[in-house]
Amino acid sequence: MSRRTRAADRELGRIRRRESLAVLLARADRLLPTEADLLRVLVETELAAADRTRRTAGGQTAAVSRLRARVEAADAAIVETEADRDRAQQALRRLREQHRGVEAAYVEHLATAAVLADALGHGLAGDDRHLAETIRRVCTGEITPRQALAATAH
């Protein structure tokens, strides 16, 4: 039996009990002993069903409260994370601005060193010319400093 079928059966039972209860209450002053017993059973059944419903509703209310607290905590974490992200992006922008000035000066220094190494290489002979050429290649980015050191170690 599906959950919907069980729920519909419970609802139909509740409606029938309430209808019987309404009839019996209307006739309460002239009830037969069997009717009084039936009234007692129906009222007790309704009270038990109402108690179960209240307990279920209480559990659901507690679950909703717990979930609400988790959602609020998640929202707070999102706000904090977004604030952290914004601060990190701002710091990154500042670093990039600082780096641009350093990078421009660094590029200018390397370009000057490459020109001087090239000029020095023309005035040298043999291995000294090779060292000046290696310095120029490092300055222009043709080789890495590690590659230059490895080449001159031989």
Protein backbone atom coordinates (compact mmCIF):
# COMPACT_ATOMS: atom_id res chain seq x y z
CA MET A 1 0.00 0.00 0.00
CA SER A 2 1.43 3.37 -0.99
CA ARG A 3 1.92 6.29 1.35
CA ARG A 4 -0.88 8.21 -0.41
CA THR A 5 -3.26 5.28 -0.09
CA ARG A 6 -2.49 4.94 3.61
CA ALA A 7 -2.93 8.69 4.11
CA ALA A 8 -6.25 8.62 2.22
CA ASP A 9 -7.40 5.64 4.32
CA ARG A 10 -6.47 7.45 7.52
CA GLU A 11 -8.28 10.59 6.37
CA LEU A 12 -11.40 8.60 5.42
CA GLY A 13 -11.35 6.88 8.82
CA ARG A 14 -11.00 10.25 10.53
CA ILE A 15 -13.90 11.71 8.57
CA ARG A 16 -16.13 8.73 9.41
CA ARG A 17 -15.23 8.92 13.10
CA ARG A 18 -15.92 12.64 13.19
CA GLU A 19 -19.28 12.19 11.45
CA SER A 20 -20.29 9.48 13.93
CA LEU A 21 -19.07 11.61 16.79
CA ALA A 22 -21.12 14.58 15.60
CA VAL A 23 -24.29 12.43 15.40
CA LEU A 24 -23.69 10.92 18.82
CA LEU A 25 -22.94 14.27 20.40
CA ALA A 26 -26.18 15.63 18.98
CA ARG A 27 -27.99 12.73 20.65
CA ALA A 28 -25.85 12.59 23.81
CA ASP A 29 -28.74 13.14 26.19
CA ARG A 30 -30.66 10.12 24.90
CA LEU A 31 -27.85 7.63 24.18
CA LEU A 32 -28.26 3.93 24.70
CA PRO A 33 -25.48 2.21 26.70
CA THR A 34 -23.98 0.73 23.49
CA GLU A 35 -24.03 4.16 21.88
CA ALA A 36 -22.34 5.67 24.94
CA ASP A 37 -19.63 2.98 24.68
CA LEU A 38 -19.23 3.73 20.96
CA LEU A 39 -19.00 7.43 21.75
CA ARG A 40 -16.25 6.73 24.27
CA VAL A 41 -14.30 4.58 21.77
CA LEU A 42 -14.65 7.17 19.00
CA VAL A 43 -13.57 10.04 21.25
CA GLU A 44 -10.59 8.06 22.57
CA THR A 45 -9.61 7.12 19.00
CA GLU A 46 -9.83 10.77 17.91
CA LEU A 47 -7.79 11.88 20.90
CA ALA A 48 -5.12 9.26 20.19
CA ALA A 49 -5.00 10.30 16.50
CA ALA A 50 -4.76 13.96 17.51
CA ASP A 51 -1.93 13.13 19.94
CA ARG A 52 -0.04 11.25 17.21
CA THR A 53 -0.55 14.12 14.82
CA ARG A 54 0.69 16.63 17.36
CA ARG A 55 3.77 14.50 18.07
CA THR A 56 4.45 14.19 14.35
CA ALA A 57 3.94 17.91 13.85
CA GLY A 58 6.23 18.60 16.80
CA GLY A 59 8.94 16.40 15.28
CA GLN A 60 8.54 18.09 11.93
CA THR A 61 8.66 21.50 13.55
CA ALA A 62 11.88 20.53 15.33
CA ALA A 63 13.34 19.22 12.06
CA VAL A 64 12.39 22.46 10.31
CA SER A 65 14.03 24.46 13.10
CA ARG A 66 17.23 22.42 12.77
CA LEU A 67 17.22 22.84 9.01
CA ARG A 68 16.54 26.56 9.34
CA ALA A 69 19.52 26.87 11.68
CA ARG A 70 21.70 24.98 9.19
CA VAL A 71 20.52 27.19 6.32
CA GLU A 72 21.22 30.32 8.37
CA ALA A 73 24.70 29.00 9.23
CA ALA A 74 25.30 28.19 5.55
CA ASP A 75 24.13 31.68 4.56
CA ALA A 76 26.50 33.22 7.13
CA ALA A 77 29.35 31.06 5.80
CA ILE A 78 28.56 32.17 2.25
CA VAL A 79 28.57 35.83 3.27
CA GLU A 80 31.89 35.36 5.09
CA THR A 81 33.38 33.47 2.14
CA GLU A 82 32.25 36.16 -0.29
CA ALA A 83 33.80 38.83 1.95
CA ASP A 84 37.05 36.81 2.08
CA ARG A 85 36.94 36.46 -1.70
CA ASP A 86 36.42 40.21 -2.14
CA ARG A 87 39.33 40.99 0.20
CA ALA A 88 41.55 38.49 -1.65
CA GLN A 89 40.61 39.98 -5.02
CA GLN A 90 41.38 43.47 -3.74
CA ALA A 91 44.74 42.31 -2.37
CA LEU A 92 45.49 40.62 -5.69
CA ARG A 93 44.69 43.81 -7.59
CA ARG A 94 47.05 45.76 -5.30
CA LEU A 95 49.80 43.18 -5.80
CA ARG A 96 49.31 43.25 -9.56
CA GLU A 97 49.59 47.04 -9.56
CA GLN A 98 52.78 46.84 -7.50
CA HIS A 99 54.09 44.06 -9.74
CA ARG A 100 53.49 46.08 -12.90
CA GLY A 101 55.89 48.78 -11.71
CA VAL A 102 58.49 46.22 -10.64
CA GLU A 103 58.07 44.27 -13.85
CA ALA A 104 58.58 47.35 -16.02
CA ALA A 105 61.76 48.27 -14.14
CA TYR A 106 62.96 44.65 -14.29
CA VAL A 107 62.36 44.44 -18.05
CA GLU A 108 64.24 47.71 -18.55
CA HIS A 109 67.18 46.48 -16.47
CA LEU A 110 67.34 43.18 -18.32
CA ALA A 111 67.16 44.88 -21.70
CA THR A 112 70.02 47.17 -20.69
CA ALA A 113 72.05 44.23 -19.36
CA ALA A 114 71.46 42.33 -22.63
CA VAL A 115 72.70 45.29 -24.69
CA LEU A 116 75.77 45.66 -22.46
CA ALA A 117 76.51 41.91 -22.56
CA ASP A 118 76.26 41.98 -26.36
CA ALA A 119 78.62 44.97 -26.55
CA LEU A 120 81.01 43.29 -24.10
CA GLY A 121 80.92 40.08 -26.14
CA HIS A 122 82.15 41.92 -29.23
CA GLY A 123 85.25 43.08 -27.34
CA LEU A 124 86.11 39.65 -25.89
CA ALA A 125 87.58 36.53 -27.34
CA GLY A 126 87.02 32.78 -26.78
CA ASP A 127 85.34 31.63 -23.58
CA ASP A 128 84.83 35.17 -22.36
CA ARG A 129 82.73 35.88 -25.45
CA HIS A 130 80.69 32.73 -24.68
CA LEU A 131 80.02 34.02 -21.12
CA ALA A 132 78.89 37.40 -22.43
CA GLU A 133 76.57 35.64 -24.92
CA THR A 134 75.14 33.45 -22.13
CA ILE A 135 74.46 36.55 -20.02
CA ARG A 136 72.70 38.19 -22.98
CA ARG A 137 70.55 35.07 -23.58
CA VAL A 138 69.52 34.97 -19.89
CA CYS A 139 68.61 38.66 -20.00
CA THR A 140 66.47 38.24 -23.11
CA GLY A 141 64.75 35.12 -21.76
CA GLU A 142 66.13 32.79 -24.41
CA ILE A 143 67.41 30.50 -21.64
CA THR A 144 66.72 30.20 -17.93
CA PRO A 145 69.29 31.07 -15.28
CA ARG A 146 69.58 27.34 -14.44
CA GLN A 147 70.31 26.51 -18.05
CA ALA A 148 72.97 29.24 -18.13
CA LEU A 149 74.64 27.91 -15.00
CA ALA A 150 74.57 24.37 -16.35
CA ALA A 151 76.13 25.53 -19.64
CA THR A 152 78.93 27.42 -17.89
CA ALA A 153 79.69 24.60 -15.44
CA HIS A 154 81.31 22.53 -18.24
